[in-house]
Amino acid sequence: MPEQTKTRIPAPLYAAAGAGDLAWRELRKLPAVVSELSDRAVASLKIANDAAGTTATSLRDKATTTDFDKLRSNATANALAFAQVAQERALAVYTSLVARGERVVGTGVVEAAEVVNADMVTTEEPKAVEAAAASPAPKPRKRASRPAAN
């Protein structure tokens, strides 16, 4: 009889459970956040319109004196640095979601899965399945041909 290994739920499932719990908690806060943001948006719209005119004029002047080759090399270096930071942050978030999912799911599920696996190993196959596996399947019968209709 093969030795039973400890059954464990994979980390991505814990991460999904943790993300679902986090999303549910954040969605409960949504109505209050929406009303606050709409009030702030109305107030800042007038200020943004006034600033847009002066910014457009200064950007037009700046565009004529910019060194685009230097800008391109700076952008490449910054993009690589940003990608590394983003990867590290994503790993940290994933790890925290796995931990949250393990707390949400709990160890009771793992214990139940171990019990089910142990029962599956110790349970005998039903006699009908054993009998069907032992005897070969009967050969199909040939159909009698019918005369063609006139």
Protein backbone atom coordinates (compact mmCIF):
# COMPACT_ATOMS: atom_id res chain seq x y z
CA MET A 1 0.00 0.00 0.00
CA PRO A 2 1.52 3.38 -0.95
CA GLU A 3 2.37 5.72 1.88
CA GLN A 4 -0.03 8.69 2.33
CA THR A 5 1.50 12.10 1.78
CA LYS A 6 0.20 15.15 3.58
CA THR A 7 -2.42 16.87 1.42
CA ARG A 8 -2.19 20.65 1.29
CA ILE A 9 -4.17 23.24 -0.59
CA PRO A 10 -1.94 25.01 -3.17
CA ALA A 11 -0.86 28.60 -2.44
CA PRO A 12 -2.70 30.06 -5.49
CA LEU A 13 -6.02 28.90 -4.04
CA TYR A 14 -5.20 30.57 -0.74
CA ALA A 15 -4.23 33.71 -2.66
CA ALA A 16 -7.57 33.65 -4.49
CA ALA A 17 -9.48 33.24 -1.22
CA GLY A 18 -7.49 36.07 0.36
CA ALA A 19 -8.09 38.33 -2.66
CA GLY A 20 -11.81 37.58 -2.54
CA ASP A 21 -12.00 38.42 1.16
CA LEU A 22 -10.01 41.63 0.65
CA ALA A 23 -12.16 42.66 -2.33
CA TRP A 24 -15.37 42.03 -0.37
CA ARG A 25 -14.16 44.19 2.53
CA GLU A 26 -13.09 47.00 0.19
CA LEU A 27 -16.36 46.89 -1.79
CA ARG A 28 -18.30 47.47 1.42
CA LYS A 29 -16.52 50.85 1.70
CA LEU A 30 -17.28 51.83 -1.92
CA PRO A 31 -20.41 54.01 -1.50
CA ALA A 32 -18.68 56.34 1.00
CA VAL A 33 -15.57 56.59 -1.18
CA VAL A 34 -17.60 57.38 -4.31
CA SER A 35 -19.46 60.27 -2.67
CA GLU A 36 -16.23 61.73 -1.25
CA LEU A 37 -14.45 61.47 -4.59
CA SER A 38 -17.29 63.08 -6.54
CA ASP A 39 -17.27 66.09 -4.19
CA ARG A 40 -13.52 66.47 -4.55
CA ALA A 41 -13.69 66.09 -8.34
CA VAL A 42 -16.17 68.94 -8.71
CA ALA A 43 -14.00 71.23 -6.59
CA SER A 44 -10.78 70.43 -8.41
CA LEU A 45 -12.21 70.68 -11.94
CA LYS A 46 -12.21 74.49 -11.98
CA ILE A 47 -8.64 74.67 -10.66
CA ALA A 48 -7.46 72.13 -13.24
CA ASN A 49 -9.02 74.06 -16.14
CA ASP A 50 -7.25 77.26 -15.11
CA ALA A 51 -3.90 75.51 -14.69
CA ALA A 52 -4.21 73.69 -18.05
CA GLY A 53 -3.95 76.90 -20.08
CA THR A 54 -0.75 78.08 -18.43
CA THR A 55 0.79 74.60 -18.49
CA ALA A 56 0.13 74.20 -22.22
CA THR A 57 1.99 77.43 -22.97
CA SER A 58 5.03 76.47 -20.88
CA LEU A 59 5.15 72.94 -22.38
CA ARG A 60 5.09 74.35 -25.90
CA ASP A 61 8.13 76.47 -25.07
CA LYS A 62 9.92 73.53 -23.40
CA ALA A 63 9.35 71.18 -26.35
CA THR A 64 11.45 73.37 -28.64
CA THR A 65 14.52 73.18 -26.34
CA THR A 66 14.38 69.50 -25.17
CA ASP A 67 17.15 66.92 -25.83
CA PHE A 68 15.09 63.85 -26.78
CA ASP A 69 18.04 61.41 -26.91
CA LYS A 70 18.89 62.10 -23.28
CA LEU A 71 15.23 61.82 -22.35
CA ARG A 72 14.99 58.44 -24.12
CA SER A 73 17.98 56.99 -22.25
CA ASN A 74 16.65 58.26 -18.91
CA ALA A 75 13.25 56.73 -19.65
CA THR A 76 14.80 53.33 -20.38
CA ALA A 77 16.78 53.30 -17.14
CA ASN A 78 13.76 54.42 -15.13
CA ALA A 79 11.52 51.79 -16.75
CA LEU A 80 13.90 48.99 -15.75
CA ALA A 81 14.11 50.24 -12.18
CA PHE A 82 10.32 50.57 -12.01
CA ALA A 83 9.83 47.03 -13.33
CA GLN A 84 12.07 45.59 -10.62
CA VAL A 85 10.29 47.52 -7.86
CA ALA A 86 6.91 46.46 -9.26
CA GLN A 87 8.01 42.81 -9.29
CA GLU A 88 9.12 42.99 -5.65
CA ARG A 89 5.85 44.64 -4.63
CA ALA A 90 3.80 42.07 -6.55
CA LEU A 91 5.61 39.24 -4.76
CA ALA A 92 4.95 40.88 -1.38
CA VAL A 93 1.24 41.33 -2.20
CA TYR A 94 0.96 37.73 -3.44
CA THR A 95 2.59 36.43 -0.25
CA SER A 96 0.22 38.46 1.93
CA LEU A 97 -2.79 37.21 -0.09
CA VAL A 98 -1.65 33.60 0.42
CA ALA A 99 -1.38 34.17 4.17
CA ARG A 100 -4.80 35.85 4.23
CA GLY A 101 -6.31 32.98 2.23
CA GLU A 102 -4.87 30.42 4.62
CA ARG A 103 -6.54 32.24 7.49
CA VAL A 104 -9.85 32.49 5.59
CA VAL A 105 -9.92 28.86 4.50
CA GLY A 106 -8.54 27.53 7.78
CA THR A 107 -6.92 24.24 8.56
CA GLY A 108 -10.24 22.42 8.84
CA VAL A 109 -10.39 22.02 5.06
CA VAL A 110 -6.95 20.40 4.97
CA GLU A 111 -7.90 17.99 7.74
CA ALA A 112 -11.13 17.10 5.92
CA ALA A 113 -9.21 16.48 2.69
CA GLU A 114 -6.81 14.16 4.52
CA VAL A 115 -9.74 12.17 5.93
CA VAL A 116 -11.33 11.86 2.47
CA ASN A 117 -8.03 10.76 0.92
CA ALA A 118 -7.52 8.16 3.63
CA ASP A 119 -11.07 6.85 3.10
CA MET A 120 -10.49 6.59 -0.66
CA VAL A 121 -7.36 4.50 -0.14
CA THR A 122 -8.98 2.10 2.35
CA THR A 123 -12.30 1.69 0.51
CA GLU A 124 -12.60 -1.41 -1.69
CA GLU A 125 -13.81 -1.15 -5.25
CA PRO A 126 -17.46 -2.16 -5.71
CA LYS A 127 -17.99 -5.74 -6.87
CA ALA A 128 -19.82 -4.64 -10.05
CA VAL A 129 -16.82 -2.62 -11.17
CA GLU A 130 -14.45 -5.51 -10.42
CA ALA A 131 -16.67 -7.95 -12.36
CA ALA A 132 -16.89 -5.61 -15.36
CA ALA A 133 -13.14 -5.16 -15.40
CA ALA A 134 -12.54 -8.95 -15.24
CA SER A 135 -14.86 -10.07 -18.07
CA PRO A 136 -14.32 -8.90 -21.66
CA ALA A 137 -17.05 -6.84 -23.31
CA PRO A 138 -19.47 -8.85 -25.54
CA LYS A 139 -19.10 -8.48 -29.30
CA PRO A 140 -21.70 -6.25 -30.96
CA ARG A 141 -24.35 -8.02 -33.04
CA LYS A 142 -24.70 -7.35 -36.73
CA ARG A 143 -27.86 -5.60 -37.90
CA ALA A 144 -30.17 -7.37 -40.23
CA SER A 145 -30.39 -5.54 -43.53
CA ARG A 146 -33.82 -4.36 -44.65
CA PRO A 147 -35.04 -4.60 -48.22
CA ALA A 148 -35.14 -1.27 -50.03
CA ALA A 149 -38.54 0.40 -50.24
CA ASN A 150 -40.03 0.80 -53.74
